[in-house]
PDB file of N, CA and C in Angstrom:
ATOM      1  N   MET A   1      18.645 -25.461  47.655  1.00  0.00           N
ATOM      2  CA  MET A   1      18.416 -24.284  46.843  1.00  0.00           C
ATOM      3  C   MET A   1      18.902 -24.542  45.414  1.00  0.00           C
ATOM      4  N   GLU A   2      18.024 -24.223  44.431  1.00  0.00           N
ATOM      5  CA  GLU A   2      18.368 -24.495  43.040  1.00  0.00           C
ATOM      6  C   GLU A   2      19.264 -23.392  42.484  1.00  0.00           C
ATOM      7  N   GLU A   3      20.138 -23.802  41.569  1.00  0.00           N
ATOM      8  CA  GLU A   3      20.995 -22.811  40.925  1.00  0.00           C
ATOM      9  C   GLU A   3      20.206 -22.108  39.830  1.00  0.00           C
ATOM     10  N   PRO A   4      20.412 -20.817  39.639  1.00  0.00           N
ATOM     11  CA  PRO A   4      19.720 -20.110  38.569  1.00  0.00           C
ATOM     12  C   PRO A   4      20.146 -20.643  37.197  1.00  0.00           C
ATOM     13  N   TRP A   5      19.224 -20.645  36.255  1.00  0.00           N
ATOM     14  CA  TRP A   5      19.510 -21.157  34.932  1.00  0.00           C
ATOM     15  C   TRP A   5      20.071 -20.025  34.059  1.00  0.00           C
ATOM     16  N   TYR A   6      21.103 -20.297  33.330  1.00  0.00           N
ATOM     17  CA  TYR A   6      21.700 -19.336  32.400  1.00  0.00           C
ATOM     18  C   TYR A   6      21.706 -19.939  31.007  1.00  0.00           C
ATOM     19  N   ALA A   7      21.532 -19.093  30.010  1.00  0.00           N
ATOM     20  CA  ALA A   7      21.584 -19.587  28.635  1.00  0.00           C
ATOM     21  C   ALA A   7      22.982 -20.083  28.317  1.00  0.00           C
ATOM     22  N   PRO A   8      23.086 -21.135  27.505  1.00  0.00           N
ATOM     23  CA  PRO A   8      24.423 -21.649  27.167  1.00  0.00           C
ATOM     24  C   PRO A   8      25.183 -20.648  26.314  1.00  0.00           C
ATOM     25  N   GLU A   9      26.472 -20.779  26.322  1.00  0.00           N
ATOM     26  CA  GLU A   9      27.333 -19.920  25.522  1.00  0.00           C
ATOM     27  C   GLU A   9      27.102 -20.204  24.038  1.00  0.00           C
ATOM     28  N   PRO A  10      27.150 -19.192  23.160  1.00  0.00           N
ATOM     29  CA  PRO A  10      27.012 -19.465  21.734  1.00  0.00           C
ATOM     30  C   PRO A  10      28.181 -20.255  21.224  1.00  0.00           C
ATOM     31  N   PRO A  11      27.958 -21.077  20.182  1.00  0.00           N
ATOM     32  CA  PRO A  11      29.040 -21.892  19.643  1.00  0.00           C
ATOM     33  C   PRO A  11      30.079 -20.985  18.967  1.00  0.00           C
ATOM     34  N   PRO A  12      31.323 -21.446  18.887  1.00  0.00           N
ATOM     35  CA  PRO A  12      32.365 -20.631  18.227  1.00  0.00           C
ATOM     36  C   PRO A  12      32.098 -20.582  16.712  1.00  0.00           C
ATOM     37  N   PRO A  13      32.520 -19.515  16.030  1.00  0.00           N
ATOM     38  CA  PRO A  13      32.285 -19.417  14.578  1.00  0.00           C
ATOM     39  C   PRO A  13      33.078 -20.502  13.848  1.00  0.00           C
ATOM     40  N   LEU A  14      32.539 -20.884  12.695  1.00  0.00           N
ATOM     41  CA  LEU A  14      33.216 -21.879  11.886  1.00  0.00           C
ATOM     42  C   LEU A  14      34.466 -21.281  11.268  1.00  0.00           C
ATOM     43  N   ALA A  15      35.492 -22.061  11.190  1.00  0.00           N
ATOM     44  CA  ALA A  15      36.747 -21.561  10.630  1.00  0.00           C
ATOM     45  C   ALA A  15      36.652 -21.566   9.114  1.00  0.00           C
ATOM     46  N   ALA A  16      37.126 -20.477   8.503  1.00  0.00           N
ATOM     47  CA  ALA A  16      37.156 -20.383   7.039  1.00  0.00           C
ATOM     48  C   ALA A  16      38.418 -21.062   6.531  1.00  0.00           C
ATOM     49  N   GLU A  17      38.348 -21.523   5.286  1.00  0.00           N
ATOM     50  CA  GLU A  17      39.502 -22.212   4.719  1.00  0.00           C
ATOM     51  C   GLU A  17      40.640 -21.247   4.438  1.00  0.00           C
ATOM     52  N   SER A  18      40.299 -19.989   4.120  1.00  0.00           N
ATOM     53  CA  SER A  18      41.354 -19.011   3.882  1.00  0.00           C
ATOM     54  C   SER A  18      40.851 -17.652   4.350  1.00  0.00           C
ATOM     55  N   ALA A  19      41.764 -16.703   4.466  1.00  0.00           N
ATOM     56  CA  ALA A  19      41.405 -15.347   4.905  1.00  0.00           C
ATOM     57  C   ALA A  19      40.615 -14.626   3.823  1.00  0.00           C
ATOM     58  N   ASP A  20      40.770 -15.015   2.546  1.00  0.00           N
ATOM     59  CA  ASP A  20      40.033 -14.363   1.457  1.00  0.00           C
ATOM     60  C   ASP A  20      38.527 -14.598   1.561  1.00  0.00           C
ATOM     61  N   GLU A  21      38.132 -15.768   2.047  1.00  0.00           N
ATOM     62  CA  GLU A  21      36.718 -16.079   2.191  1.00  0.00           C
ATOM     63  C   GLU A  21      36.055 -15.157   3.194  1.00  0.00           C
ATOM     64  N   LEU A  22      36.768 -14.766   4.223  1.00  0.00           N
ATOM     65  CA  LEU A  22      36.211 -13.848   5.210  1.00  0.00           C
ATOM     66  C   LEU A  22      36.119 -12.432   4.661  1.00  0.00           C
ATOM     67  N   ALA A  23      37.053 -12.027   3.863  1.00  0.00           N
ATOM     68  CA  ALA A  23      37.107 -10.641   3.376  1.00  0.00           C
ATOM     69  C   ALA A  23      36.126 -10.415   2.253  1.00  0.00           C
ATOM     70  N   MET A  24      35.974 -11.337   1.302  1.00  0.00           N
ATOM     71  CA  MET A  24      35.131 -11.129   0.135  1.00  0.00           C
ATOM     72  C   MET A  24      34.110 -12.258   0.009  1.00  0.00           C
ATOM     73  N   PRO A  25      32.855 -11.988   0.349  1.00  0.00           N
ATOM     74  CA  PRO A  25      31.833 -13.006   0.123  1.00  0.00           C
ATOM     75  C   PRO A  25      31.608 -13.184  -1.383  1.00  0.00           C
ATOM     76  N   PRO A  26      31.140 -14.343  -1.804  1.00  0.00           N
ATOM     77  CA  PRO A  26      30.918 -14.534  -3.248  1.00  0.00           C
ATOM     78  C   PRO A  26      29.868 -13.559  -3.771  1.00  0.00           C
ATOM     79  N   GLU A  27      30.118 -13.019  -4.945  1.00  0.00           N
ATOM     80  CA  GLU A  27      29.179 -12.046  -5.542  1.00  0.00           C
ATOM     81  C   GLU A  27      28.017 -12.789  -6.173  1.00  0.00           C
ATOM     82  N   ARG A  28      26.821 -12.213  -5.962  1.00  0.00           N
ATOM     83  CA  ARG A  28      25.628 -12.762  -6.571  1.00  0.00           C
ATOM     84  C   ARG A  28      25.350 -11.972  -7.852  1.00  0.00           C
ATOM     85  N   PRO A  29      24.777 -12.656  -8.837  1.00  0.00           N
ATOM     86  CA  PRO A  29      24.455 -11.923 -10.067  1.00  0.00           C
ATOM     87  C   PRO A  29      23.314 -10.942  -9.767  1.00  0.00           C
ATOM     88  N   PRO A  30      23.261  -9.812 -10.462  1.00  0.00           N
ATOM     89  CA  PRO A  30      22.201  -8.844 -10.214  1.00  0.00           C
ATOM     90  C   PRO A  30      20.854  -9.456 -10.574  1.00  0.00           C
ATOM     91  N   PRO A  31      19.805  -9.062  -9.857  1.00  0.00           N
ATOM     92  CA  PRO A  31      18.508  -9.635 -10.165  1.00  0.00           C
ATOM     93  C   PRO A  31      17.993  -9.149 -11.499  1.00  0.00           C
ATOM     94  N   GLU A  32      17.158  -9.968 -12.116  1.00  0.00           N
ATOM     95  CA  GLU A  32      16.558  -9.616 -13.408  1.00  0.00           C
ATOM     96  C   GLU A  32      15.618  -8.436 -13.186  1.00  0.00           C
ATOM     97  N   PRO A  33      15.648  -7.454 -14.072  1.00  0.00           N
ATOM     98  CA  PRO A  33      14.733  -6.310 -13.896  1.00  0.00           C
ATOM     99  C   PRO A  33      13.273  -6.742 -14.111  1.00  0.00           C
ATOM    100  N   ASP A  34      12.418  -6.238 -13.253  1.00  0.00           N
ATOM    101  CA  ASP A  34      11.012  -6.537 -13.338  1.00  0.00           C
ATOM    102  C   ASP A  34      10.402  -5.638 -14.414  1.00  0.00           C
ATOM    103  N   PRO A  35       9.771  -6.193 -15.459  1.00  0.00           N
ATOM    104  CA  PRO A  35       9.249  -5.349 -16.518  1.00  0.00           C
ATOM    105  C   PRO A  35       8.142  -4.419 -16.025  1.00  0.00           C
ATOM    106  N   ILE A  36       7.377  -4.853 -15.027  1.00  0.00           N
ATOM    107  CA  ILE A  36       6.319  -3.987 -14.512  1.00  0.00           C
ATOM    108  C   ILE A  36       6.935  -2.824 -13.724  1.00  0.00           C
ATOM    109  N   ALA A  37       8.029  -3.059 -13.024  1.00  0.00           N
ATOM    110  CA  ALA A  37       8.648  -1.973 -12.258  1.00  0.00           C
ATOM    111  C   ALA A  37       9.259  -0.918 -13.162  1.00  0.00           C
ATOM    112  N   ALA A  38       9.522  -1.252 -14.401  1.00  0.00           N
ATOM    113  CA  ALA A  38      10.113  -0.288 -15.321  1.00  0.00           C
ATOM    114  C   ALA A  38       9.120   0.785 -15.743  1.00  0.00           C
ATOM    115  N   VAL A  39       7.819   0.529 -15.587  1.00  0.00           N
ATOM    116  CA  VAL A  39       6.808   1.509 -15.944  1.00  0.00           C
ATOM    117  C   VAL A  39       6.578   2.402 -14.749  1.00  0.00           C
ATOM    118  N   ALA A  40       6.788   3.692 -14.907  1.00  0.00           N
ATOM    119  CA  ALA A  40       6.553   4.646 -13.830  1.00  0.00           C
ATOM    120  C   ALA A  40       5.063   5.016 -13.833  1.00  0.00           C
ATOM    121  N   LEU A  41       4.362   4.575 -12.803  1.00  0.00           N
ATOM    122  CA  LEU A  41       2.944   4.862 -12.711  1.00  0.00           C
ATOM    123  C   LEU A  41       2.742   6.299 -12.211  1.00  0.00           C
ATOM    124  N   GLN A  42       2.008   7.072 -12.957  1.00  0.00           N
ATOM    125  CA  GLN A  42       1.681   8.439 -12.580  1.00  0.00           C
ATOM    126  C   GLN A  42       0.215   8.485 -12.177  1.00  0.00           C
ATOM    127  N   LEU A  43      -0.030   8.852 -10.941  1.00  0.00           N
ATOM    128  CA  LEU A  43      -1.402   8.963 -10.507  1.00  0.00           C
ATOM    129  C   LEU A  43      -2.070  10.205 -11.118  1.00  0.00           C
ATOM    130  N   PRO A  44      -3.310  10.084 -11.500  1.00  0.00           N
ATOM    131  CA  PRO A  44      -4.005  11.230 -12.075  1.00  0.00           C
ATOM    132  C   PRO A  44      -4.274  12.273 -10.976  1.00  0.00           C
ATOM    133  N   PRO A  45      -4.498  13.514 -11.344  1.00  0.00           N
ATOM    134  CA  PRO A  45      -4.798  14.525 -10.345  1.00  0.00           C
ATOM    135  C   PRO A  45      -6.151  14.253  -9.684  1.00  0.00           C
ATOM    136  N   LEU A  46      -6.336  14.788  -8.506  1.00  0.00           N
ATOM    137  CA  LEU A  46      -7.597  14.584  -7.789  1.00  0.00           C
ATOM    138  C   LEU A  46      -8.728  15.303  -8.511  1.00  0.00           C
ATOM    139  N   ALA A  47      -9.890  14.660  -8.540  1.00  0.00           N
ATOM    140  CA  ALA A  47     -11.080  15.241  -9.145  1.00  0.00           C
ATOM    141  C   ALA A  47     -11.619  16.332  -8.221  1.00  0.00           C
ATOM    142  N   ASP A  48     -12.459  17.202  -8.777  1.00  0.00           N
ATOM    143  CA  ASP A  48     -13.030  18.281  -7.978  1.00  0.00           C
ATOM    144  C   ASP A  48     -13.887  17.752  -6.826  1.00  0.00           C
ATOM    145  N   ALA A  49     -14.513  16.613  -7.010  1.00  0.00           N
ATOM    146  CA  ALA A  49     -15.373  16.055  -5.961  1.00  0.00           C
ATOM    147  C   ALA A  49     -14.594  15.661  -4.696  1.00  0.00           C
ATOM    148  N   VAL A  50     -13.317  15.395  -4.825  1.00  0.00           N
ATOM    149  CA  VAL A  50     -12.512  14.988  -3.669  1.00  0.00           C
ATOM    150  C   VAL A  50     -11.508  16.033  -3.265  1.00  0.00           C
ATOM    151  N   SER A  51     -11.462  17.159  -3.953  1.00  0.00           N
ATOM    152  CA  SER A  51     -10.523  18.217  -3.607  1.00  0.00           C
ATOM    153  C   SER A  51     -11.258  19.281  -2.777  1.00  0.00           C
ATOM    154  N   PHE A  52     -11.303  19.091  -1.508  1.00  0.00           N
ATOM    155  CA  PHE A  52     -11.892  20.112  -0.650  1.00  0.00           C
ATOM    156  C   PHE A  52     -10.842  20.530   0.362  1.00  0.00           C
ATOM    157  N   SER A  53     -10.915  21.804   0.725  1.00  0.00           N
ATOM    158  CA  SER A  53      -9.942  22.349   1.653  1.00  0.00           C
ATOM    159  C   SER A  53     -10.354  22.052   3.090  1.00  0.00           C
ATOM    160  N   VAL A  54      -9.453  21.499   3.840  1.00  0.00           N
ATOM    161  CA  VAL A  54      -9.715  21.209   5.248  1.00  0.00           C
ATOM    162  C   VAL A  54      -9.805  22.536   6.029  1.00  0.00           C
ATOM    163  N   HIS A  55      -9.089  23.535   5.578  1.00  0.00           N
ATOM    164  CA  HIS A  55      -9.054  24.817   6.265  1.00  0.00           C
ATOM    165  C   HIS A  55     -10.382  25.573   6.167  1.00  0.00           C
ATOM    166  N   ASP A  56     -11.208  25.248   5.179  1.00  0.00           N
ATOM    167  CA  ASP A  56     -12.498  25.904   5.014  1.00  0.00           C
ATOM    168  C   ASP A  56     -13.581  25.294   5.919  1.00  0.00           C
ATOM    169  N   ARG A  57     -13.260  24.223   6.608  1.00  0.00           N
ATOM    170  CA  ARG A  57     -14.252  23.555   7.452  1.00  0.00           C
ATOM    171  C   ARG A  57     -14.133  24.072   8.877  1.00  0.00           C
ATOM    172  N   GLY A  58     -15.252  24.135   9.579  1.00  0.00           N
ATOM    173  CA  GLY A  58     -15.258  24.586  10.953  1.00  0.00           C
ATOM    174  C   GLY A  58     -14.877  23.468  11.918  1.00  0.00           C
ATOM    175  N   PHE A  59     -14.595  23.838  13.151  1.00  0.00           N
ATOM    176  CA  PHE A  59     -14.168  22.874  14.159  1.00  0.00           C
ATOM    177  C   PHE A  59     -15.268  21.853  14.425  1.00  0.00           C
ATOM    178  N   PHE A  60     -16.550  22.269  14.439  1.00  0.00           N
ATOM    179  CA  PHE A  60     -17.635  21.386  14.760  1.00  0.00           C
ATOM    180  C   PHE A  60     -18.313  20.810  13.524  1.00  0.00           C
ATOM    181  N   ALA A  61     -17.688  20.960  12.368  1.00  0.00           N
ATOM    182  CA  ALA A  61     -18.267  20.396  11.147  1.00  0.00           C
ATOM    183  C   ALA A  61     -18.292  18.865  11.250  1.00  0.00           C
ATOM    184  N   GLY A  62     -19.278  18.291  10.684  1.00  0.00           N
ATOM    185  CA  GLY A  62     -19.385  16.835  10.698  1.00  0.00           C
ATOM    186  C   GLY A  62     -18.323  16.195   9.805  1.00  0.00           C
ATOM    187  N   PRO A  63     -18.263  14.870   9.826  1.00  0.00           N
ATOM    188  CA  PRO A  63     -17.234  14.202   9.006  1.00  0.00           C
ATOM    189  C   PRO A  63     -17.524  14.361   7.525  1.00  0.00           C
ATOM    190  N   GLN A  64     -16.470  14.453   6.750  1.00  0.00           N
ATOM    191  CA  GLN A  64     -16.543  14.543   5.296  1.00  0.00           C
ATOM    192  C   GLN A  64     -15.509  13.561   4.767  1.00  0.00           C
ATOM    193  N   THR A  65     -15.946  12.629   3.970  1.00  0.00           N
ATOM    194  CA  THR A  65     -15.056  11.621   3.410  1.00  0.00           C
ATOM    195  C   THR A  65     -15.105  11.684   1.892  1.00  0.00           C
ATOM    196  N   ALA A  66     -13.963  11.660   1.280  1.00  0.00           N
ATOM    197  CA  ALA A  66     -13.879  11.675  -0.176  1.00  0.00           C
ATOM    198  C   ALA A  66     -12.868  10.621  -0.610  1.00  0.00           C
ATOM    199  N   ILE A  67     -13.233   9.856  -1.617  1.00  0.00           N
ATOM    200  CA  ILE A  67     -12.305   8.847  -2.161  1.00  0.00           C
ATOM    201  C   ILE A  67     -12.275   8.957  -3.672  1.00  0.00           C
ATOM    202  N   GLN A  68     -11.166   8.634  -4.229  1.00  0.00           N
ATOM    203  CA  GLN A  68     -11.007   8.568  -5.694  1.00  0.00           C
ATOM    204  C   GLN A  68     -10.408   7.232  -6.010  1.00  0.00           C
ATOM    205  N   LEU A  69     -11.095   6.464  -6.821  1.00  0.00           N
ATOM    206  CA  LEU A  69     -10.624   5.158  -7.245  1.00  0.00           C
ATOM    207  C   LEU A  69     -10.094   5.296  -8.664  1.00  0.00           C
ATOM    208  N   ASP A  70      -8.863   4.897  -8.882  1.00  0.00           N
ATOM    209  CA  ASP A  70      -8.226   4.979 -10.195  1.00  0.00           C
ATOM    210  C   ASP A  70      -7.739   3.582 -10.575  1.00  0.00           C
ATOM    211  N   LEU A  71      -8.119   3.173 -11.762  1.00  0.00           N
ATOM    212  CA  LEU A  71      -7.701   1.872 -12.308  1.00  0.00           C
ATOM    213  C   LEU A  71      -6.663   2.135 -13.377  1.00  0.00           C
ATOM    214  N   LEU A  72      -5.426   1.678 -13.116  1.00  0.00           N
ATOM    215  CA  LEU A  72      -4.313   1.892 -14.036  1.00  0.00           C
ATOM    216  C   LEU A  72      -3.865   0.576 -14.639  1.00  0.00           C
ATOM    217  N   ASP A  73      -3.458   0.622 -15.903  1.00  0.00           N
ATOM    218  CA  ASP A  73      -2.836  -0.539 -16.536  1.00  0.00           C
ATOM    219  C   ASP A  73      -1.396  -0.580 -16.084  1.00  0.00           C
ATOM    220  N   ARG A  74      -1.017  -1.597 -15.356  1.00  0.00           N
ATOM    221  CA  ARG A  74       0.338  -1.647 -14.795  1.00  0.00           C
ATOM    222  C   ARG A  74       1.408  -1.826 -15.882  1.00  0.00           C
ATOM    223  N   ALA A  75       1.040  -2.371 -16.991  1.00  0.00           N
ATOM    224  CA  ALA A  75       2.026  -2.598 -18.081  1.00  0.00           C
ATOM    225  C   ALA A  75       2.383  -1.283 -18.791  1.00  0.00           C
ATOM    226  N   THR A  76       1.384  -0.396 -18.932  1.00  0.00           N
ATOM    227  CA  THR A  76       1.621   0.830 -19.687  1.00  0.00           C
ATOM    228  C   THR A  76       1.534   2.091 -18.849  1.00  0.00           C
ATOM    229  N   GLY A  77       0.897   1.987 -17.664  1.00  0.00           N
ATOM    230  CA  GLY A  77       0.708   3.173 -16.835  1.00  0.00           C
ATOM    231  C   GLY A  77      -0.518   3.990 -17.267  1.00  0.00           C
ATOM    232  N   GLU A  78      -1.268   3.510 -18.242  1.00  0.00           N
ATOM    233  CA  GLU A  78      -2.436   4.244 -18.766  1.00  0.00           C
ATOM    234  C   GLU A  78      -3.579   4.189 -17.776  1.00  0.00           C
ATOM    235  N   LEU A  79      -4.269   5.320 -17.594  1.00  0.00           N
ATOM    236  CA  LEU A  79      -5.466   5.373 -16.746  1.00  0.00           C
ATOM    237  C   LEU A  79      -6.628   4.762 -17.516  1.00  0.00           C
ATOM    238  N   LEU A  80      -7.205   3.695 -16.960  1.00  0.00           N
ATOM    239  CA  LEU A  80      -8.301   2.992 -17.633  1.00  0.00           C
ATOM    240  C   LEU A  80      -9.674   3.470 -17.143  1.00  0.00           C
ATOM    241  N   TRP A  81      -9.767   3.816 -15.855  1.00  0.00           N
ATOM    242  CA  TRP A  81     -11.039   4.189 -15.279  1.00  0.00           C
ATOM    243  C   TRP A  81     -10.785   4.989 -14.017  1.00  0.00           C
ATOM    244  N   SER A  82     -11.618   5.984 -13.733  1.00  0.00           N
ATOM    245  CA  SER A  82     -11.478   6.776 -12.528  1.00  0.00           C
ATOM    246  C   SER A  82     -12.860   7.214 -12.055  1.00  0.00           C
ATOM    247  N   LYS A  83     -13.053   7.230 -10.755  1.00  0.00           N
ATOM    248  CA  LYS A  83     -14.335   7.659 -10.179  1.00  0.00           C
ATOM    249  C   LYS A  83     -14.032   8.300  -8.830  1.00  0.00           C
ATOM    250  N   ALA A  84     -14.594   9.489  -8.610  1.00  0.00           N
ATOM    251  CA  ALA A  84     -14.427  10.180  -7.342  1.00  0.00           C
ATOM    252  C   ALA A  84     -15.790  10.370  -6.708  1.00  0.00           C
ATOM    253  N   VAL A  85     -15.880  10.105  -5.420  1.00  0.00           N
ATOM    254  CA  VAL A  85     -17.128  10.286  -4.691  1.00  0.00           C
ATOM    255  C   VAL A  85     -16.829  10.954  -3.359  1.00  0.00           C
ATOM    256  N   SER A  86     -17.794  11.702  -2.865  1.00  0.00           N
ATOM    257  CA  SER A  86     -17.655  12.380  -1.593  1.00  0.00           C
ATOM    258  C   SER A  86     -18.974  12.283  -0.844  1.00  0.00           C
ATOM    259  N   ALA A  87     -18.910  12.160   0.466  1.00  0.00           N
ATOM    260  CA  ALA A  87     -20.139  12.067   1.269  1.00  0.00           C
ATOM    261  C   ALA A  87     -19.833  12.541   2.671  1.00  0.00           C
ATOM    262  N   GLU A  88     -20.898  12.919   3.373  1.00  0.00           N
ATOM    263  CA  GLU A  88     -20.762  13.257   4.786  1.00  0.00           C
ATOM    264  C   GLU A  88     -20.874  11.958   5.569  1.00  0.00           C
ATOM    265  N   ALA A  89     -19.801  11.182   5.505  1.00  0.00           N
ATOM    266  CA  ALA A  89     -19.771   9.866   6.155  1.00  0.00           C
ATOM    267  C   ALA A  89     -18.561   9.806   7.075  1.00  0.00           C
ATOM    268  N   ASP A  90     -18.731   9.074   8.159  1.00  0.00           N
ATOM    269  CA  ASP A  90     -17.658   8.910   9.138  1.00  0.00           C
ATOM    270  C   ASP A  90     -16.659   7.869   8.602  1.00  0.00           C
ATOM    271  N   PRO A  91     -15.388   8.273   8.431  1.00  0.00           N
ATOM    272  CA  PRO A  91     -14.409   7.319   7.867  1.00  0.00           C
ATOM    273  C   PRO A  91     -14.101   6.158   8.797  1.00  0.00           C
ATOM    274  N   THR A  92     -14.507   6.222  10.050  1.00  0.00           N
ATOM    275  CA  THR A  92     -14.290   5.088  10.977  1.00  0.00           C
ATOM    276  C   THR A  92     -15.460   4.118  10.977  1.00  0.00           C
ATOM    277  N   ASP A  93     -16.520   4.426  10.254  1.00  0.00           N
ATOM    278  CA  ASP A  93     -17.708   3.557  10.176  1.00  0.00           C
ATOM    279  C   ASP A  93     -17.576   2.642   8.959  1.00  0.00           C
ATOM    280  N   ALA A  94     -17.341   1.366   9.214  1.00  0.00           N
ATOM    281  CA  ALA A  94     -17.104   0.414   8.121  1.00  0.00           C
ATOM    282  C   ALA A  94     -18.296   0.321   7.184  1.00  0.00           C
ATOM    283  N   LYS A  95     -19.515   0.358   7.731  1.00  0.00           N
ATOM    284  CA  LYS A  95     -20.707   0.250   6.896  1.00  0.00           C
ATOM    285  C   LYS A  95     -20.832   1.479   5.970  1.00  0.00           C
ATOM    286  N   ALA A  96     -20.573   2.663   6.500  1.00  0.00           N
ATOM    287  CA  ALA A  96     -20.629   3.887   5.699  1.00  0.00           C
ATOM    288  C   ALA A  96     -19.570   3.858   4.595  1.00  0.00           C
ATOM    289  N   MET A  97     -18.382   3.342   4.913  1.00  0.00           N
ATOM    290  CA  MET A  97     -17.314   3.284   3.896  1.00  0.00           C
ATOM    291  C   MET A  97     -17.634   2.237   2.852  1.00  0.00           C
ATOM    292  N   ALA A  98     -18.259   1.145   3.225  1.00  0.00           N
ATOM    293  CA  ALA A  98     -18.654   0.132   2.228  1.00  0.00           C
ATOM    294  C   ALA A  98     -19.703   0.707   1.301  1.00  0.00           C
ATOM    295  N   GLU A  99     -20.633   1.506   1.827  1.00  0.00           N
ATOM    296  CA  GLU A  99     -21.633   2.141   0.978  1.00  0.00           C
ATOM    297  C   GLU A  99     -21.014   3.151   0.042  1.00  0.00           C
ATOM    298  N   LEU A 100     -20.027   3.930   0.526  1.00  0.00           N
ATOM    299  CA  LEU A 100     -19.361   4.914  -0.320  1.00  0.00           C
ATOM    300  C   LEU A 100     -18.576   4.251  -1.438  1.00  0.00           C
ATOM    301  N   VAL A 101     -17.863   3.176  -1.136  1.00  0.00           N
ATOM    302  CA  VAL A 101     -17.131   2.456  -2.173  1.00  0.00           C
ATOM    303  C   VAL A 101     -18.100   1.790  -3.134  1.00  0.00           C
ATOM    304  N   GLY A 102     -19.208   1.251  -2.607  1.00  0.00           N
ATOM    305  CA  GLY A 102     -20.230   0.645  -3.462  1.00  0.00           C
ATOM    306  C   GLY A 102     -20.839   1.663  -4.404  1.00  0.00           C
ATOM    307  N   HIS A 103     -21.041   2.919  -3.909  1.00  0.00           N
ATOM    308  CA  HIS A 103     -21.546   3.995  -4.768  1.00  0.00           C
ATOM    309  C   HIS A 103     -20.526   4.311  -5.865  1.00  0.00           C
ATOM    310  N   ALA A 104     -19.254   4.312  -5.519  1.00  0.00           N
ATOM    311  CA  ALA A 104     -18.217   4.601  -6.502  1.00  0.00           C
ATOM    312  C   ALA A 104     -18.145   3.522  -7.577  1.00  0.00           C
ATOM    313  N   LEU A 105     -18.362   2.270  -7.199  1.00  0.00           N
ATOM    314  CA  LEU A 105     -18.255   1.166  -8.146  1.00  0.00           C
ATOM    315  C   LEU A 105     -19.562   0.780  -8.807  1.00  0.00           C
ATOM    316  N   ALA A 106     -20.637   1.498  -8.475  1.00  0.00           N
ATOM    317  CA  ALA A 106     -21.946   1.183  -9.025  1.00  0.00           C
ATOM    318  C   ALA A 106     -21.927   1.288 -10.548  1.00  0.00           C
ATOM    319  N   GLY A 107     -22.560   0.322 -11.183  1.00  0.00           N
ATOM    320  CA  GLY A 107     -22.664   0.332 -12.644  1.00  0.00           C
ATOM    321  C   GLY A 107     -21.482  -0.262 -13.371  1.00  0.00           C
ATOM    322  N   GLN A 108     -20.495  -0.728 -12.650  1.00  0.00           N
ATOM    323  CA  GLN A 108     -19.317  -1.345 -13.279  1.00  0.00           C
ATOM    324  C   GLN A 108     -19.459  -2.858 -13.225  1.00  0.00           C
ATOM    325  N   PRO A 109     -19.648  -3.524 -14.370  1.00  0.00           N
ATOM    326  CA  PRO A 109     -19.849  -4.980 -14.333  1.00  0.00           C
ATOM    327  C   PRO A 109     -18.644  -5.742 -13.795  1.00  0.00           C
ATOM    328  N   TRP A 110     -17.451  -5.192 -13.929  1.00  0.00           N
ATOM    329  CA  TRP A 110     -16.261  -5.888 -13.445  1.00  0.00           C
ATOM    330  C   TRP A 110     -16.076  -5.734 -11.931  1.00  0.00           C
ATOM    331  N   ALA A 111     -16.930  -4.900 -11.286  1.00  0.00           N
ATOM    332  CA  ALA A 111     -16.757  -4.634  -9.858  1.00  0.00           C
ATOM    333  C   ALA A 111     -17.914  -5.155  -9.042  1.00  0.00           C
ATOM    334  N   ARG A 112     -18.667  -6.106  -9.550  1.00  0.00           N
ATOM    335  CA  ARG A 112     -19.795  -6.640  -8.793  1.00  0.00           C
ATOM    336  C   ARG A 112     -19.314  -7.373  -7.556  1.00  0.00           C
ATOM    337  N   ARG A 113     -19.976  -7.118  -6.456  1.00  0.00           N
ATOM    338  CA  ARG A 113     -19.629  -7.787  -5.187  1.00  0.00           C
ATOM    339  C   ARG A 113     -20.556  -8.947  -4.972  1.00  0.00           C
ATOM    340  N   SER A 114     -20.018 -10.021  -4.455  1.00  0.00           N
ATOM    341  CA  SER A 114     -20.841 -11.151  -4.075  1.00  0.00           C
ATOM    342  C   SER A 114     -20.988 -11.112  -2.561  1.00  0.00           C
ATOM    343  N   ARG A 115     -22.181 -11.319  -2.091  1.00  0.00           N
ATOM    344  CA  ARG A 115     -22.412 -11.242  -0.651  1.00  0.00           C
ATOM    345  C   ARG A 115     -22.803 -12.575  -0.110  1.00  0.00           C
TER     346      ARG A 115
END
């Protein structure tokens, strides 16, 4: 009959040269502040196209999806571009969501998709 296997005991901790080393770990210098983190980004308010009340919809109402895309300058927090779109699309349907985002980005040369 084989003996059951047990994990080995953990090794003993390394001895410190003095009691002060155990009490006070060496202090690290504070990290350099990130210049981008210093800018507080404020999101713009929702556009009318995406502000619909859920309480006004019936139980058997079909899906309604609304998205708002906002392009912010991270250095200044300035809103550069915004587009809101809404459609009766199922948010779990990847193809419908790709079409909705494509509709939102339509006409923007910097947002061309390669397929």
